[in-house]
Amino acid sequence: MRSWSAPGRRRSPLARLRGRTAVGCAAVLTALVGPLHAGEPTTCELTFAANGWSTQYRAAHGPGLVQCADGRSLPVRISVKSQDAAVRIASGAASFSGVVDPRDVVGAYVADGEDAGAHRSMRKGAVQLRVTATGAWWQQGGRPDSLVIATR
């Protein structure tokens, strides 16, 4: 017996039940698998560039990508603010700890006073961030006062 209906014919009750069961099973599996990612802290890495300097806002802007150890990723926009002149970061990287979902990294980070040589430690609530970068500004000792991460 065919499960599709020809013009003027109705589907059999068994065929209708199969279709509903498949849709119901898919919905249940989606509901169960989604929360498996939630609640498990993971580490994430951010790679970015911030070359677009704005003298008016004393900030550099650029694209970035957050990639987590569990395979999830999130494209982001970065804004780096500093009291120094002309911030330009050719290639930046950051590592996050205390992340449950990649969207947890979105927001404003401020320096927490801990500088360990080539790194700048920053914090947003429970999420901690360690930033490092390349470029003349960074090599000359320039460090961001704040870093804002937004989704693209």
Protein backbone atom coordinates (compact mmCIF):
# COMPACT_ATOMS: atom_id res chain seq x y z
CA MET A 1 0.00 0.00 0.00
CA ARG A 2 1.35 3.47 -0.89
CA SER A 3 1.90 6.05 1.85
CA TRP A 4 1.27 9.00 -0.43
CA SER A 5 -2.17 9.89 -1.63
CA ALA A 6 -3.17 10.07 -5.25
CA PRO A 7 -5.68 12.74 -6.30
CA GLY A 8 -9.04 11.87 -4.86
CA ARG A 9 -7.63 9.21 -2.50
CA ARG A 10 -7.01 9.50 1.21
CA ARG A 11 -3.94 8.23 3.00
CA SER A 12 -4.41 5.16 5.06
CA PRO A 13 -4.58 5.56 8.86
CA LEU A 14 -1.29 3.61 9.18
CA ALA A 15 0.49 5.99 6.79
CA ARG A 16 -0.80 9.02 8.72
CA LEU A 17 0.35 7.48 12.01
CA ARG A 18 3.86 6.83 10.64
CA GLY A 19 4.20 10.47 9.58
CA ARG A 20 3.02 11.76 12.96
CA THR A 21 5.27 9.33 14.84
CA ALA A 22 8.34 10.42 12.87
CA VAL A 23 7.63 14.09 13.55
CA GLY A 24 6.97 13.38 17.24
CA CYS A 25 10.20 11.37 17.63
CA ALA A 26 12.22 14.12 15.96
CA ALA A 27 10.76 16.72 18.34
CA VAL A 28 11.52 14.60 21.41
CA LEU A 29 15.10 13.92 20.29
CA THR A 30 15.69 17.60 19.62
CA ALA A 31 14.38 18.48 23.09
CA LEU A 32 16.61 15.88 24.73
CA VAL A 33 19.83 16.57 22.80
CA GLY A 34 19.68 20.37 23.19
CA PRO A 35 20.13 20.39 26.98
CA LEU A 36 23.11 18.02 26.80
CA HIS A 37 25.27 20.95 25.71
CA ALA A 38 23.84 23.23 28.40
CA GLY A 39 25.40 23.14 31.80
CA GLU A 40 28.77 21.63 30.85
CA PRO A 41 31.51 24.29 31.18
CA THR A 42 33.96 24.34 28.31
CA THR A 43 36.86 26.43 27.11
CA CYS A 44 36.66 28.66 24.05
CA GLU A 45 39.23 30.46 21.91
CA LEU A 46 38.76 33.78 20.14
CA THR A 47 40.75 34.85 17.08
CA PHE A 48 40.34 38.41 15.85
CA ALA A 49 41.82 41.45 14.13
CA ALA A 50 41.11 45.04 15.14
CA ASN A 51 42.59 47.43 12.59
CA GLY A 52 39.76 49.92 12.07
CA TRP A 53 40.85 52.72 14.46
CA SER A 54 38.38 55.48 15.31
CA THR A 55 39.91 58.57 16.91
CA GLN A 56 36.50 59.86 17.96
CA TYR A 57 35.68 56.71 19.99
CA ARG A 58 39.31 55.76 20.77
CA ALA A 59 38.52 52.22 19.67
CA ALA A 60 39.55 49.72 17.03
CA HIS A 61 37.00 47.41 15.44
CA GLY A 62 37.22 44.17 13.51
CA PRO A 63 35.89 40.66 12.91
CA GLY A 64 36.48 37.61 15.08
CA LEU A 65 35.51 33.99 15.57
CA VAL A 66 34.86 32.14 18.85
CA GLN A 67 35.56 28.39 18.67
CA CYS A 68 34.81 26.14 21.64
CA ALA A 69 36.34 22.81 22.61
CA ASP A 70 32.96 21.09 22.14
CA GLY A 71 32.93 22.03 18.43
CA ARG A 72 30.53 24.97 18.54
CA SER A 73 31.54 28.33 17.05
CA LEU A 74 30.21 31.88 16.84
CA PRO A 75 31.22 34.70 14.42
CA VAL A 76 31.65 37.96 16.34
CA ARG A 77 32.59 41.65 16.04
CA ILE A 78 35.29 43.05 18.30
CA SER A 79 35.74 46.56 19.67
CA VAL A 80 38.97 47.26 21.57
CA LYS A 81 39.19 50.49 23.58
CA SER A 82 42.32 52.05 25.01
CA GLN A 83 43.56 55.44 26.19
CA ASP A 84 46.61 54.90 23.98
CA ALA A 85 46.72 56.43 20.53
CA ALA A 86 45.89 54.39 17.42
CA VAL A 87 45.19 50.85 18.60
CA ARG A 88 45.86 48.37 15.82
CA ILE A 89 45.87 44.65 16.46
CA ALA A 90 47.01 42.69 13.43
CA SER A 91 46.24 39.30 14.93
CA GLY A 92 44.68 38.77 18.33
CA ALA A 93 43.81 35.68 20.32
CA ALA A 94 42.00 35.11 23.58
CA SER A 95 41.06 32.14 25.70
CA PHE A 96 37.93 31.95 27.83
CA SER A 97 37.19 29.84 30.87
CA GLY A 98 33.86 29.30 32.60
CA VAL A 99 31.88 29.20 29.34
CA VAL A 100 28.71 27.09 29.08
CA ASP A 101 27.50 28.38 25.69
CA PRO A 102 29.49 30.29 23.01
CA ARG A 103 27.00 33.17 23.39
CA ASP A 104 28.24 33.53 27.00
CA VAL A 105 31.32 35.35 25.68
CA VAL A 106 29.26 38.17 24.15
CA GLY A 107 29.49 41.37 26.18
CA ALA A 108 31.91 43.93 27.60
CA TYR A 109 35.13 42.90 29.34
CA VAL A 110 37.26 45.16 31.51
CA ALA A 111 40.85 44.73 32.61
CA ASP A 112 41.06 43.18 36.06
CA GLY A 113 44.54 44.52 36.79
CA GLU A 114 46.40 41.27 36.22
CA ASP A 115 48.92 41.62 33.42
CA ALA A 116 51.26 38.70 32.89
CA GLY A 117 53.80 39.98 30.38
CA ALA A 118 52.38 39.46 26.90
CA HIS A 119 48.83 38.80 28.15
CA ARG A 120 46.02 40.99 29.47
CA SER A 121 43.56 39.42 31.88
CA MET A 122 39.95 40.66 31.59
CA ARG A 123 36.64 39.67 33.16
CA LYS A 124 32.88 39.81 32.55
CA GLY A 125 31.04 38.29 35.50
CA ALA A 126 32.07 34.64 35.88
CA VAL A 127 33.72 34.50 32.44
CA GLN A 128 37.44 35.24 32.42
CA LEU A 129 39.42 36.16 29.32
CA ARG A 130 43.17 36.23 28.61
CA VAL A 131 44.10 38.32 25.57
CA THR A 132 47.32 38.35 23.57
CA ALA A 133 48.08 39.92 20.21
CA THR A 134 50.64 40.89 17.61
CA GLY A 135 51.29 44.25 16.02
CA ALA A 136 53.49 47.25 16.76
CA TRP A 137 51.05 48.73 19.31
CA TRP A 138 50.95 45.50 21.35
CA GLN A 139 54.71 44.93 21.08
CA GLN A 140 55.34 48.44 22.43
CA GLY A 141 53.37 47.63 25.57
CA GLY A 142 49.91 48.80 24.54
CA ARG A 143 47.09 46.92 26.27
CA PRO A 144 43.30 47.29 25.95
CA ASP A 145 41.29 48.93 28.73
CA SER A 146 38.12 47.21 27.55
CA LEU A 147 37.07 44.72 24.91
CA VAL A 148 33.50 44.40 23.62
CA ILE A 149 32.36 41.25 21.82
CA ALA A 150 29.12 41.34 19.80
CA THR A 151 27.52 38.79 17.48
CA ARG A 152 27.70 39.35 13.73
